[in-house]
Amino acid sequence: MGNLSITDTYRVLEMTLRPLSYWYTQDNVEEAAIDRPGGIWLRLRGRHAHPWHYYEDPKLTREYLNNIMYIIANTYDLPFDPQAGVPVVYAALPGGHRFSGIAGRNVMYDNEDLTGGIAMAIRVYKEDLGIGMDQFGLVQGGRLRQINKLKDVEDPDDPYERLVLSIQRGDNILISGATATGKTTFLNNMITLLSEHKRIITIEDTRELIVKQPNHVHLVVSRTESTNNFTYANVIDLVVRFTPDAILGGEISTTNADAIWQLMNSGHENCFATIHAASPDEAYRAFIKRIEKSTGQSLAGEEENNMIREMKEKLRVVQINRDGNIRAITEIT
C-alpha cells in the first residue's frame, strides 16, 4: 500500500469494511461487537431489558477479520503484529466510528484453540446527539436566563442550572460513569452549552467529540506506538500556544492522564474529560492511578490525599449511572 495515495488508502479501507459496516451503520445500532468469526453482536438503541442481539454472518471469517485489522493499522500508520507482541489496534473508522480490536494468543476461544483468536468492538458515531440532557434527568428550568458568570454565585439547587453555571464560570469538569453510560454523549451535550465565541481545542485518541463552534481544532494522539512521534508531551506545549478558551479531552487513560491534569492545573478554564468510575470519589482515585501509570510515579498516604483534595478544589465531577437504557445524573460534586 506504500504506492497508494492517502485517498486511495481510505477507499481500500472503506471497500474492505463493507461486509462489516453493513451491520454497524444501521439506524438503530449503538454498538457492534465480534467475539469470534461467523457472527456479530449488536447493541440496539431503545432496548431496555435485552439490548444485545446476535446475528450470524458467514462473511465475517477469521481471515477477513484479520485482514481488517492489518488494513486499519496500515491506513493510520499504526503498528499491528500479534506475533511480535503488538496485538491491539485503536482507530476511528470512516464515518467517525470508534474501533478497538485485538488478535492473536491474547484472545482465547472456548474450544482452546492455541493459535489464539480475534475480537473487536465498534462504538457507533452519530452526527446528531440523539440523547439530550433531558434523557440524563436534566431539564432546563425557567430560571436559566437569570444565571450570570460571577464566580461567587452559589450553586443553584436545580442540577441543570448548576451545570450551566459551572460551565459559564469556567469550571473544569470530569464526567464519570461505567462503560456505555453515555459519558461521551453527555460531553457532546455539554459542548453545546459553551459559547459559540469560544476557541475550542479537542484532544482525543479517536475522534468522537462534536464541536459546532466555528473556532476549533481537533488534535488526535494515538494510544499505541506508531511512526508518528506526536506525543502528549508535545500536546501540552502545542495547546498552550494555541490559546484555547476550552480544552476538551476524551477518555482519561494511562497515556494521557498526566497531560490532561497538567492542562487542568495550569489555569485553563473549561477543561472537560471523561473517566470510567462508579462514583465521584472513585473518579478522583482512578484519575490519580492513571497519572501514576502515565508518569511511573507512585503516590501514597498523605501525598495521595493532598492530590485528591487538590482535584476536588479544581475539578467538578458529574456522575452518570445507567440501568438498561435509562441514564441519570446521580451526583454533581
C-alpha atoms as a PDB file:
ATOM      1  CA  MET A   1       0.000   0.000   0.000  1.00  0.00           C
ATOM      2  CA  GLY A   2       3.075   2.190   0.032  1.00  0.00           C
ATOM      3  CA  ASN A   3       2.418   3.440  -3.520  1.00  0.00           C
ATOM      4  CA  LEU A   4      -1.193   4.401  -2.822  1.00  0.00           C
ATOM      5  CA  SER A   5      -2.253   7.958  -2.093  1.00  0.00           C
ATOM      6  CA  ILE A   6      -3.994   8.724   1.187  1.00  0.00           C
ATOM      7  CA  THR A   7      -7.319   8.966  -0.661  1.00  0.00           C
ATOM      8  CA  ASP A   8      -6.775   5.580  -2.316  1.00  0.00           C
ATOM      9  CA  THR A   9      -5.820   4.038   1.027  1.00  0.00           C
ATOM     10  CA  TYR A  10      -9.072   5.200   2.593  1.00  0.00           C
ATOM     11  CA  ARG A  11     -11.016   3.829  -0.369  1.00  0.00           C
ATOM     12  CA  VAL A  12      -9.379   0.445   0.131  1.00  0.00           C
ATOM     13  CA  LEU A  13     -10.349   0.582   3.800  1.00  0.00           C
ATOM     14  CA  GLU A  14     -13.954   1.528   3.016  1.00  0.00           C
ATOM     15  CA  MET A  15     -14.260  -1.263   0.443  1.00  0.00           C
ATOM     16  CA  THR A  16     -12.782  -3.815   2.840  1.00  0.00           C
ATOM     17  CA  LEU A  17     -15.128  -2.744   5.628  1.00  0.00           C
ATOM     18  CA  ARG A  18     -18.337  -3.140   3.611  1.00  0.00           C
ATOM     19  CA  PRO A  19     -19.364  -6.610   4.895  1.00  0.00           C
ATOM     20  CA  LEU A  20     -18.798  -5.396   8.458  1.00  0.00           C
ATOM     21  CA  SER A  21     -20.139  -1.850   8.049  1.00  0.00           C
ATOM     22  CA  TYR A  22     -23.418  -3.307   6.736  1.00  0.00           C
ATOM     23  CA  TRP A  23     -24.140  -4.146  10.371  1.00  0.00           C
ATOM     24  CA  TYR A  24     -22.878  -1.172  12.358  1.00  0.00           C
ATOM     25  CA  THR A  25     -24.257   1.536  10.021  1.00  0.00           C
ATOM     26  CA  GLN A  26     -27.876   0.507  10.537  1.00  0.00           C
ATOM     27  CA  ASP A  27     -30.005   3.232  12.112  1.00  0.00           C
ATOM     28  CA  ASN A  28     -30.788   1.619  15.451  1.00  0.00           C
ATOM     29  CA  VAL A  29     -27.313   0.281  16.255  1.00  0.00           C
ATOM     30  CA  GLU A  30     -25.433   1.805  19.183  1.00  0.00           C
ATOM     31  CA  GLU A  31     -22.501  -0.599  19.277  1.00  0.00           C
ATOM     32  CA  ALA A  32     -21.234  -3.697  17.441  1.00  0.00           C
ATOM     33  CA  ALA A  33     -19.025  -6.436  18.859  1.00  0.00           C
ATOM     34  CA  ILE A  34     -17.401  -9.551  17.452  1.00  0.00           C
ATOM     35  CA  ASP A  35     -16.364 -12.229  19.935  1.00  0.00           C
ATOM     36  CA  ARG A  36     -15.361 -14.774  17.290  1.00  0.00           C
ATOM     37  CA  PRO A  37     -15.672 -15.220  13.493  1.00  0.00           C
ATOM     38  CA  GLY A  38     -19.016 -16.068  11.918  1.00  0.00           C
ATOM     39  CA  GLY A  39     -21.287 -13.642  13.701  1.00  0.00           C
ATOM     40  CA  ILE A  40     -21.771 -10.238  15.276  1.00  0.00           C
ATOM     41  CA  TRP A  41     -23.448  -8.816  18.378  1.00  0.00           C
ATOM     42  CA  LEU A  42     -25.363  -5.541  18.009  1.00  0.00           C
ATOM     43  CA  ARG A  43     -26.377  -3.300  20.879  1.00  0.00           C
ATOM     44  CA  LEU A  44     -29.675  -1.775  19.774  1.00  0.00           C
ATOM     45  CA  ARG A  45     -30.980   1.600  20.845  1.00  0.00           C
ATOM     46  CA  GLY A  46     -34.193   1.724  22.813  1.00  0.00           C
ATOM     47  CA  ARG A  47     -33.958  -1.856  24.098  1.00  0.00           C
ATOM     48  CA  HIS A  48     -34.117  -1.853  27.889  1.00  0.00           C
ATOM     49  CA  ALA A  49     -34.121  -5.461  29.061  1.00  0.00           C
ATOM     50  CA  HIS A  50     -32.093  -7.147  26.307  1.00  0.00           C
ATOM     51  CA  PRO A  51     -30.088  -4.597  24.285  1.00  0.00           C
ATOM     52  CA  TRP A  52     -27.626  -7.106  22.751  1.00  0.00           C
ATOM     53  CA  HIS A  53     -28.700  -9.278  19.797  1.00  0.00           C
ATOM     54  CA  TYR A  54     -26.628 -11.836  17.897  1.00  0.00           C
ATOM     55  CA  TYR A  55     -26.629 -12.287  14.108  1.00  0.00           C
ATOM     56  CA  GLU A  56     -24.803 -14.961  12.151  1.00  0.00           C
ATOM     57  CA  ASP A  57     -22.804 -13.827   9.119  1.00  0.00           C
ATOM     58  CA  PRO A  58     -20.586 -16.331   7.259  1.00  0.00           C
ATOM     59  CA  LYS A  59     -18.789 -13.448   5.519  1.00  0.00           C
ATOM     60  CA  LEU A  60     -17.158 -12.484   8.824  1.00  0.00           C
ATOM     61  CA  THR A  61     -14.467 -15.129   8.558  1.00  0.00           C
ATOM     62  CA  ARG A  62     -11.293 -15.208  10.597  1.00  0.00           C
ATOM     63  CA  GLU A  63      -9.250 -14.344   7.509  1.00  0.00           C
ATOM     64  CA  TYR A  64     -11.497 -11.388   6.696  1.00  0.00           C
ATOM     65  CA  LEU A  65     -11.425 -10.016  10.255  1.00  0.00           C
ATOM     66  CA  ASN A  66      -7.654 -10.420  10.417  1.00  0.00           C
ATOM     67  CA  ASN A  67      -7.297  -8.529   7.121  1.00  0.00           C
ATOM     68  CA  ILE A  68      -9.403  -5.707   8.541  1.00  0.00           C
ATOM     69  CA  MET A  69      -7.007  -5.346  11.455  1.00  0.00           C
ATOM     70  CA  TYR A  70      -3.981  -5.097   9.156  1.00  0.00           C
ATOM     71  CA  ILE A  71      -5.648  -2.683   6.732  1.00  0.00           C
ATOM     72  CA  ILE A  72      -6.847  -0.370   9.535  1.00  0.00           C
ATOM     73  CA  ALA A  73      -3.339  -0.390  11.011  1.00  0.00           C
ATOM     74  CA  ASN A  74      -1.769   0.360   7.607  1.00  0.00           C
ATOM     75  CA  THR A  75      -4.272   3.117   6.859  1.00  0.00           C
ATOM     76  CA  TYR A  76      -3.473   5.005  10.062  1.00  0.00           C
ATOM     77  CA  ASP A  77       0.218   4.092  10.170  1.00  0.00           C
ATOM     78  CA  LEU A  78      -0.227   2.071  13.375  1.00  0.00           C
ATOM     79  CA  PRO A  79       1.805  -0.952  14.451  1.00  0.00           C
ATOM     80  CA  PHE A  80      -0.007  -4.283  14.396  1.00  0.00           C
ATOM     81  CA  ASP A  81       1.765  -7.621  14.599  1.00  0.00           C
ATOM     82  CA  PRO A  82       0.338 -10.199  17.040  1.00  0.00           C
ATOM     83  CA  GLN A  83       3.362 -12.451  16.567  1.00  0.00           C
ATOM     84  CA  ALA A  84       5.640  -9.614  17.694  1.00  0.00           C
ATOM     85  CA  GLY A  85       3.555  -8.753  20.733  1.00  0.00           C
ATOM     86  CA  VAL A  86       1.579  -5.856  19.212  1.00  0.00           C
ATOM     87  CA  PRO A  87      -1.954  -7.331  19.112  1.00  0.00           C
ATOM     88  CA  VAL A  88      -4.169  -4.252  19.551  1.00  0.00           C
ATOM     89  CA  VAL A  89      -5.451  -1.567  17.178  1.00  0.00           C
ATOM     90  CA  TYR A  90      -7.419   1.562  18.168  1.00  0.00           C
ATOM     91  CA  ALA A  91      -8.682   3.811  15.379  1.00  0.00           C
ATOM     92  CA  ALA A  92     -11.541   5.890  14.013  1.00  0.00           C
ATOM     93  CA  LEU A  93     -13.239   4.221  11.069  1.00  0.00           C
ATOM     94  CA  PRO A  94     -14.697   6.179   8.140  1.00  0.00           C
ATOM     95  CA  GLY A  95     -17.775   7.904   9.496  1.00  0.00           C
ATOM     96  CA  GLY A  96     -16.116   8.541  12.861  1.00  0.00           C
ATOM     97  CA  HIS A  97     -16.952   5.174  14.422  1.00  0.00           C
ATOM     98  CA  ARG A  98     -14.565   4.130  17.223  1.00  0.00           C
ATOM     99  CA  PHE A  99     -12.785   0.834  16.556  1.00  0.00           C
ATOM    100  CA  SER A 100     -10.956  -1.366  19.063  1.00  0.00           C
ATOM    101  CA  GLY A 101      -9.578  -4.736  18.024  1.00  0.00           C
ATOM    102  CA  ILE A 102      -7.274  -7.447  19.313  1.00  0.00           C
ATOM    103  CA  ALA A 103      -5.930 -10.598  17.638  1.00  0.00           C
ATOM    104  CA  GLY A 104      -3.580 -13.460  18.406  1.00  0.00           C
ATOM    105  CA  ARG A 105      -2.946 -15.502  21.524  1.00  0.00           C
ATOM    106  CA  ASN A 106      -4.208 -12.780  23.836  1.00  0.00           C
ATOM    107  CA  VAL A 107      -7.688 -13.868  22.708  1.00  0.00           C
ATOM    108  CA  MET A 108      -8.746 -17.414  23.542  1.00  0.00           C
ATOM    109  CA  TYR A 109     -11.926 -19.204  22.468  1.00  0.00           C
ATOM    110  CA  ASP A 110     -13.837 -21.804  24.454  1.00  0.00           C
ATOM    111  CA  ASN A 111     -12.510 -24.623  22.257  1.00  0.00           C
ATOM    112  CA  GLU A 112      -8.962 -23.821  23.485  1.00  0.00           C
ATOM    113  CA  ASP A 113      -7.581 -23.069  20.025  1.00  0.00           C
ATOM    114  CA  LEU A 114      -3.941 -22.446  20.957  1.00  0.00           C
ATOM    115  CA  THR A 115      -3.360 -20.280  17.891  1.00  0.00           C
ATOM    116  CA  GLY A 116      -5.455 -17.581  19.509  1.00  0.00           C
ATOM    117  CA  GLY A 117      -8.429 -15.670  18.201  1.00  0.00           C
ATOM    118  CA  ILE A 118      -9.738 -12.272  17.249  1.00  0.00           C
ATOM    119  CA  ALA A 119     -12.218  -9.863  18.835  1.00  0.00           C
ATOM    120  CA  MET A 120     -13.331  -6.328  18.099  1.00  0.00           C
ATOM    121  CA  ALA A 121     -15.790  -3.663  19.167  1.00  0.00           C
ATOM    122  CA  ILE A 122     -17.132  -0.651  17.285  1.00  0.00           C
ATOM    123  CA  ARG A 123     -18.780   2.271  19.066  1.00  0.00           C
ATOM    124  CA  VAL A 124     -21.128   3.852  16.533  1.00  0.00           C
ATOM    125  CA  TYR A 125     -20.843   7.595  15.912  1.00  0.00           C
ATOM    126  CA  LYS A 126     -23.990   9.596  15.173  1.00  0.00           C
ATOM    127  CA  GLU A 127     -23.818  13.163  13.899  1.00  0.00           C
ATOM    128  CA  ASP A 128     -26.938  14.169  15.771  1.00  0.00           C
ATOM    129  CA  LEU A 129     -26.572  13.789  19.512  1.00  0.00           C
ATOM    130  CA  GLY A 130     -29.597  11.518  19.732  1.00  0.00           C
ATOM    131  CA  ILE A 131     -29.674  11.654  23.527  1.00  0.00           C
ATOM    132  CA  GLY A 132     -30.319  15.070  25.019  1.00  0.00           C
ATOM    133  CA  MET A 133     -29.823  16.444  28.514  1.00  0.00           C
ATOM    134  CA  ASP A 134     -33.412  15.573  29.396  1.00  0.00           C
ATOM    135  CA  GLN A 135     -32.630  11.882  28.924  1.00  0.00           C
ATOM    136  CA  PHE A 136     -29.980  12.184  31.645  1.00  0.00           C
ATOM    137  CA  GLY A 137     -32.576  13.612  34.013  1.00  0.00           C
ATOM    138  CA  LEU A 138     -31.513  17.245  33.458  1.00  0.00           C
ATOM    139  CA  VAL A 139     -34.324  19.527  32.297  1.00  0.00           C
ATOM    140  CA  GLN A 140     -33.853  23.209  31.548  1.00  0.00           C
ATOM    141  CA  GLY A 141     -35.537  25.298  34.234  1.00  0.00           C
ATOM    142  CA  GLY A 142     -37.311  28.613  33.851  1.00  0.00           C
ATOM    143  CA  ARG A 143     -34.657  30.491  35.861  1.00  0.00           C
ATOM    144  CA  LEU A 144     -31.821  29.654  33.484  1.00  0.00           C
ATOM    145  CA  ARG A 145     -31.736  33.111  31.854  1.00  0.00           C
ATOM    146  CA  GLN A 146     -31.063  34.780  35.225  1.00  0.00           C
ATOM    147  CA  ILE A 147     -27.773  32.957  35.860  1.00  0.00           C
ATOM    148  CA  ASN A 148     -24.725  35.168  35.488  1.00  0.00           C
ATOM    149  CA  LYS A 149     -20.997  34.447  35.283  1.00  0.00           C
ATOM    150  CA  LEU A 150     -19.937  35.790  38.674  1.00  0.00           C
ATOM    151  CA  LYS A 151     -17.507  33.478  40.433  1.00  0.00           C
ATOM    152  CA  ASP A 152     -19.168  33.914  43.826  1.00  0.00           C
ATOM    153  CA  VAL A 153     -22.655  32.906  42.702  1.00  0.00           C
ATOM    154  CA  GLU A 154     -23.816  29.964  44.805  1.00  0.00           C
ATOM    155  CA  ASP A 155     -24.661  26.734  43.050  1.00  0.00           C
ATOM    156  CA  PRO A 156     -28.400  26.582  42.312  1.00  0.00           C
ATOM    157  CA  ASP A 157     -30.420  23.674  43.685  1.00  0.00           C
ATOM    158  CA  ASP A 158     -31.579  22.733  40.204  1.00  0.00           C
ATOM    159  CA  PRO A 159     -28.931  20.336  38.753  1.00  0.00           C
ATOM    160  CA  TYR A 160     -29.296  21.614  35.187  1.00  0.00           C
ATOM    161  CA  GLU A 161     -28.814  25.221  36.247  1.00  0.00           C
ATOM    162  CA  ARG A 162     -25.900  24.151  38.471  1.00  0.00           C
ATOM    163  CA  LEU A 163     -24.190  22.550  35.476  1.00  0.00           C
ATOM    164  CA  VAL A 164     -24.799  25.564  33.234  1.00  0.00           C
ATOM    165  CA  LEU A 165     -23.427  27.940  35.863  1.00  0.00           C
ATOM    166  CA  SER A 166     -20.396  25.697  36.301  1.00  0.00           C
ATOM    167  CA  ILE A 167     -19.696  25.828  32.567  1.00  0.00           C
ATOM    168  CA  GLN A 168     -20.293  29.582  32.396  1.00  0.00           C
ATOM    169  CA  ARG A 169     -17.779  30.345  35.131  1.00  0.00           C
ATOM    170  CA  GLY A 170     -15.152  28.118  33.515  1.00  0.00           C
ATOM    171  CA  ASP A 171     -15.074  25.139  35.885  1.00  0.00           C
ATOM    172  CA  ASN A 172     -13.086  22.071  34.874  1.00  0.00           C
ATOM    173  CA  ILE A 173     -15.397  19.050  34.691  1.00  0.00           C
ATOM    174  CA  LEU A 174     -14.797  15.308  34.745  1.00  0.00           C
ATOM    175  CA  ILE A 175     -17.681  13.127  33.531  1.00  0.00           C
ATOM    176  CA  SER A 176     -17.633   9.815  35.387  1.00  0.00           C
ATOM    177  CA  GLY A 177     -19.518   6.605  34.719  1.00  0.00           C
ATOM    178  CA  ALA A 178     -19.269   2.941  33.831  1.00  0.00           C
ATOM    179  CA  THR A 179     -18.992   1.592  30.283  1.00  0.00           C
ATOM    180  CA  ALA A 180     -21.877   2.611  27.989  1.00  0.00           C
ATOM    181  CA  THR A 181     -23.417   5.048  30.467  1.00  0.00           C
ATOM    182  CA  GLY A 182     -23.247   7.765  27.814  1.00  0.00           C
ATOM    183  CA  LYS A 183     -20.249   9.769  29.043  1.00  0.00           C
ATOM    184  CA  THR A 184     -19.170  10.917  25.579  1.00  0.00           C
ATOM    185  CA  THR A 185     -22.762  11.640  24.577  1.00  0.00           C
ATOM    186  CA  PHE A 186     -23.187  13.770  27.698  1.00  0.00           C
ATOM    187  CA  LEU A 187     -19.908  15.561  26.985  1.00  0.00           C
ATOM    188  CA  ASN A 188     -21.138  16.346  23.469  1.00  0.00           C
ATOM    189  CA  ASN A 189     -24.266  17.843  25.029  1.00  0.00           C
ATOM    190  CA  MET A 190     -22.109  19.916  27.371  1.00  0.00           C
ATOM    191  CA  ILE A 191     -20.164  21.285  24.404  1.00  0.00           C
ATOM    192  CA  THR A 192     -23.383  22.828  23.070  1.00  0.00           C
ATOM    193  CA  LEU A 193     -23.590  24.894  26.292  1.00  0.00           C
ATOM    194  CA  LEU A 194     -20.255  26.574  25.566  1.00  0.00           C
ATOM    195  CA  SER A 195     -20.377  29.987  23.949  1.00  0.00           C
ATOM    196  CA  GLU A 196     -20.197  29.992  20.159  1.00  0.00           C
ATOM    197  CA  HIS A 197     -17.462  32.632  20.514  1.00  0.00           C
ATOM    198  CA  LYS A 198     -15.046  30.346  22.379  1.00  0.00           C
ATOM    199  CA  ARG A 199     -11.936  28.881  20.752  1.00  0.00           C
ATOM    200  CA  ILE A 200     -12.017  25.145  21.446  1.00  0.00           C
ATOM    201  CA  ILE A 201      -9.228  22.542  21.239  1.00  0.00           C
ATOM    202  CA  THR A 202     -10.110  18.837  21.450  1.00  0.00           C
ATOM    203  CA  ILE A 203      -7.547  16.162  22.367  1.00  0.00           C
ATOM    204  CA  GLU A 204      -8.561  12.555  21.635  1.00  0.00           C
ATOM    205  CA  ASP A 205      -7.098   9.212  20.676  1.00  0.00           C
ATOM    206  CA  THR A 206     -10.173   8.604  18.470  1.00  0.00           C
ATOM    207  CA  ARG A 207     -12.406  11.351  17.084  1.00  0.00           C
ATOM    208  CA  GLU A 208     -15.736  11.342  18.929  1.00  0.00           C
ATOM    209  CA  LEU A 209     -16.424  14.902  20.049  1.00  0.00           C
ATOM    210  CA  ILE A 210     -18.831  17.078  18.067  1.00  0.00           C
ATOM    211  CA  VAL A 211     -17.901  20.758  18.113  1.00  0.00           C
ATOM    212  CA  LYS A 212     -20.291  23.164  16.401  1.00  0.00           C
ATOM    213  CA  GLN A 213     -18.432  26.304  17.498  1.00  0.00           C
ATOM    214  CA  PRO A 214     -16.630  27.566  14.357  1.00  0.00           C
ATOM    215  CA  ASN A 215     -13.263  28.336  16.003  1.00  0.00           C
ATOM    216  CA  HIS A 216     -11.971  24.861  16.885  1.00  0.00           C
ATOM    217  CA  VAL A 217      -9.104  22.432  16.265  1.00  0.00           C
ATOM    218  CA  HIS A 218      -9.199  18.645  16.692  1.00  0.00           C
ATOM    219  CA  LEU A 219      -5.933  17.036  17.861  1.00  0.00           C
ATOM    220  CA  VAL A 220      -5.578  13.249  17.657  1.00  0.00           C
ATOM    221  CA  VAL A 221      -2.893  11.294  19.531  1.00  0.00           C
ATOM    222  CA  SER A 222      -2.751   7.510  19.149  1.00  0.00           C
ATOM    223  CA  ARG A 223      -2.863   5.322  22.274  1.00  0.00           C
ATOM    224  CA  THR A 224      -0.495   2.882  20.599  1.00  0.00           C
ATOM    225  CA  GLU A 225       3.037   3.456  19.424  1.00  0.00           C
ATOM    226  CA  SER A 226       3.387   4.461  15.797  1.00  0.00           C
ATOM    227  CA  THR A 227       5.787   6.089  13.425  1.00  0.00           C
ATOM    228  CA  ASN A 228       4.139   9.399  14.331  1.00  0.00           C
ATOM    229  CA  ASN A 229       6.141  10.886  17.208  1.00  0.00           C
ATOM    230  CA  PHE A 230       3.461  13.372  18.273  1.00  0.00           C
ATOM    231  CA  THR A 231       3.002  12.575  21.975  1.00  0.00           C
ATOM    232  CA  TYR A 232       1.025  14.029  24.864  1.00  0.00           C
ATOM    233  CA  ALA A 233       4.149  15.895  25.963  1.00  0.00           C
ATOM    234  CA  ASN A 234       4.014  17.666  22.587  1.00  0.00           C
ATOM    235  CA  VAL A 235       0.293  18.268  23.105  1.00  0.00           C
ATOM    236  CA  ILE A 236       0.891  20.319  26.259  1.00  0.00           C
ATOM    237  CA  ASP A 237       3.379  22.595  24.506  1.00  0.00           C
ATOM    238  CA  LEU A 238       1.156  22.968  21.455  1.00  0.00           C
ATOM    239  CA  VAL A 239      -2.131  23.596  23.251  1.00  0.00           C
ATOM    240  CA  VAL A 240      -0.838  26.432  25.433  1.00  0.00           C
ATOM    241  CA  ARG A 241       0.410  28.139  22.263  1.00  0.00           C
ATOM    242  CA  PHE A 242      -2.955  27.669  20.555  1.00  0.00           C
ATOM    243  CA  THR A 243      -4.651  29.944  23.138  1.00  0.00           C
ATOM    244  CA  PRO A 244      -7.783  27.860  23.814  1.00  0.00           C
ATOM    245  CA  ASP A 245     -10.817  29.081  25.713  1.00  0.00           C
ATOM    246  CA  ALA A 246     -11.855  25.462  26.320  1.00  0.00           C
ATOM    247  CA  ILE A 247      -9.911  22.181  26.219  1.00  0.00           C
ATOM    248  CA  LEU A 248     -11.928  19.043  25.595  1.00  0.00           C
ATOM    249  CA  GLY A 249     -10.278  15.705  26.271  1.00  0.00           C
ATOM    250  CA  GLY A 250     -11.678  12.273  25.547  1.00  0.00           C
ATOM    251  CA  GLU A 251     -11.393   9.287  27.863  1.00  0.00           C
ATOM    252  CA  ILE A 252      -8.766   9.597  30.611  1.00  0.00           C
ATOM    253  CA  SER A 253      -6.244   6.794  30.014  1.00  0.00           C
ATOM    254  CA  THR A 254      -2.811   5.813  31.285  1.00  0.00           C
ATOM    255  CA  THR A 255      -1.257   7.570  28.284  1.00  0.00           C
ATOM    256  CA  ASN A 256      -2.980  10.960  28.572  1.00  0.00           C
ATOM    257  CA  ALA A 257      -3.816  11.335  32.283  1.00  0.00           C
ATOM    258  CA  ASP A 258      -0.774  13.375  33.271  1.00  0.00           C
ATOM    259  CA  ALA A 259      -1.099  15.686  30.268  1.00  0.00           C
ATOM    260  CA  ILE A 260      -4.813  16.325  30.870  1.00  0.00           C
ATOM    261  CA  TRP A 261      -4.186  17.017  34.571  1.00  0.00           C
ATOM    262  CA  GLN A 262      -1.360  19.426  33.755  1.00  0.00           C
ATOM    263  CA  LEU A 263      -3.678  21.340  31.419  1.00  0.00           C
ATOM    264  CA  MET A 264      -6.464  21.360  34.021  1.00  0.00           C
ATOM    265  CA  ASN A 265      -3.962  22.541  36.632  1.00  0.00           C
ATOM    266  CA  SER A 266      -2.415  25.288  34.511  1.00  0.00           C
ATOM    267  CA  GLY A 267      -5.058  27.974  34.802  1.00  0.00           C
ATOM    268  CA  HIS A 268      -7.058  26.988  31.724  1.00  0.00           C
ATOM    269  CA  GLU A 269     -10.829  27.158  32.055  1.00  0.00           C
ATOM    270  CA  ASN A 270     -13.423  24.700  30.798  1.00  0.00           C
ATOM    271  CA  CYS A 271     -11.223  21.606  30.622  1.00  0.00           C
ATOM    272  CA  PHE A 272     -13.569  18.635  30.161  1.00  0.00           C
ATOM    273  CA  ALA A 273     -12.827  14.891  30.038  1.00  0.00           C
ATOM    274  CA  THR A 274     -14.433  11.518  30.829  1.00  0.00           C
ATOM    275  CA  ILE A 275     -13.363   8.603  33.030  1.00  0.00           C
ATOM    276  CA  HIS A 276     -14.562   5.109  33.961  1.00  0.00           C
ATOM    277  CA  ALA A 277     -15.659   5.152  37.612  1.00  0.00           C
ATOM    278  CA  ALA A 278     -18.703   4.265  39.712  1.00  0.00           C
ATOM    279  CA  SER A 279     -18.690   7.379  41.939  1.00  0.00           C
ATOM    280  CA  PRO A 280     -17.019  10.796  42.197  1.00  0.00           C
ATOM    281  CA  ASP A 281     -14.598   9.570  44.873  1.00  0.00           C
ATOM    282  CA  GLU A 282     -13.639   6.638  42.663  1.00  0.00           C
ATOM    283  CA  ALA A 283     -13.268   9.040  39.741  1.00  0.00           C
ATOM    284  CA  TYR A 284     -10.665  11.121  41.600  1.00  0.00           C
ATOM    285  CA  ARG A 285      -8.761   7.999  42.639  1.00  0.00           C
ATOM    286  CA  ALA A 286      -8.969   6.486  39.154  1.00  0.00           C
ATOM    287  CA  PHE A 287      -7.594   9.741  37.717  1.00  0.00           C
ATOM    288  CA  ILE A 288      -4.670   9.587  40.164  1.00  0.00           C
ATOM    289  CA  LYS A 289      -3.964   5.932  39.351  1.00  0.00           C
ATOM    290  CA  ARG A 290      -3.823   6.752  35.654  1.00  0.00           C
ATOM    291  CA  ILE A 291      -1.493   9.666  36.360  1.00  0.00           C
ATOM    292  CA  GLU A 292       0.760   7.283  38.294  1.00  0.00           C
ATOM    293  CA  LYS A 293       0.817   4.875  35.348  1.00  0.00           C
ATOM    294  CA  SER A 294       1.409   7.773  32.965  1.00  0.00           C
ATOM    295  CA  THR A 295       4.364   9.161  34.929  1.00  0.00           C
ATOM    296  CA  GLY A 296       5.758   5.996  36.517  1.00  0.00           C
ATOM    297  CA  GLN A 297       5.479   7.628  39.935  1.00  0.00           C
ATOM    298  CA  SER A 298       3.568   6.265  42.910  1.00  0.00           C
ATOM    299  CA  LEU A 299       1.547   8.347  45.362  1.00  0.00           C
ATOM    300  CA  ALA A 300       0.525   7.025  48.763  1.00  0.00           C
ATOM    301  CA  GLY A 301      -0.746   8.164  52.126  1.00  0.00           C
ATOM    302  CA  GLU A 302      -0.822  11.909  52.739  1.00  0.00           C
ATOM    303  CA  GLU A 303       0.643  12.667  49.317  1.00  0.00           C
ATOM    304  CA  GLU A 304      -2.286  10.937  47.636  1.00  0.00           C
ATOM    305  CA  ASN A 305      -4.781  12.594  49.982  1.00  0.00           C
ATOM    306  CA  ASN A 306      -3.323  16.018  49.190  1.00  0.00           C
ATOM    307  CA  MET A 307      -3.743  15.387  45.470  1.00  0.00           C
ATOM    308  CA  ILE A 308      -7.341  14.277  45.967  1.00  0.00           C
ATOM    309  CA  ARG A 309      -8.024  17.494  47.888  1.00  0.00           C
ATOM    310  CA  GLU A 310      -6.435  19.498  45.075  1.00  0.00           C
ATOM    311  CA  MET A 311      -8.548  17.707  42.481  1.00  0.00           C
ATOM    312  CA  LYS A 312     -11.723  18.365  44.474  1.00  0.00           C
ATOM    313  CA  GLU A 313     -10.868  22.070  44.557  1.00  0.00           C
ATOM    314  CA  LYS A 314     -10.127  22.331  40.842  1.00  0.00           C
ATOM    315  CA  LEU A 315     -12.269  19.639  39.239  1.00  0.00           C
ATOM    316  CA  ARG A 316     -16.042  19.105  39.377  1.00  0.00           C
ATOM    317  CA  VAL A 317     -17.319  15.551  38.768  1.00  0.00           C
ATOM    318  CA  VAL A 318     -20.595  14.788  37.024  1.00  0.00           C
ATOM    319  CA  GLN A 319     -21.555  11.177  37.814  1.00  0.00           C
ATOM    320  CA  ILE A 320     -23.690   9.190  35.367  1.00  0.00           C
ATOM    321  CA  ASN A 321     -25.322   5.851  36.144  1.00  0.00           C
ATOM    322  CA  ARG A 322     -27.280   3.625  33.810  1.00  0.00           C
ATOM    323  CA  ASP A 323     -29.888   0.897  34.233  1.00  0.00           C
ATOM    324  CA  GLY A 324     -30.608  -0.662  30.847  1.00  0.00           C
ATOM    325  CA  ASN A 325     -31.405   2.269  28.573  1.00  0.00           C
ATOM    326  CA  ILE A 326     -32.244   4.600  31.469  1.00  0.00           C
ATOM    327  CA  ARG A 327     -29.418   7.056  32.167  1.00  0.00           C
ATOM    328  CA  ALA A 328     -29.340   9.537  35.026  1.00  0.00           C
ATOM    329  CA  ILE A 329     -27.026  12.116  36.559  1.00  0.00           C
ATOM    330  CA  THR A 330     -26.788  10.872  40.130  1.00  0.00           C
ATOM    331  CA  GLU A 331     -24.371  13.474  41.501  1.00  0.00           C
ATOM    332  CA  ILE A 332     -22.688  16.748  40.600  1.00  0.00           C
ATOM    333  CA  THR A 333     -19.912  17.457  43.112  1.00  0.00           C
END
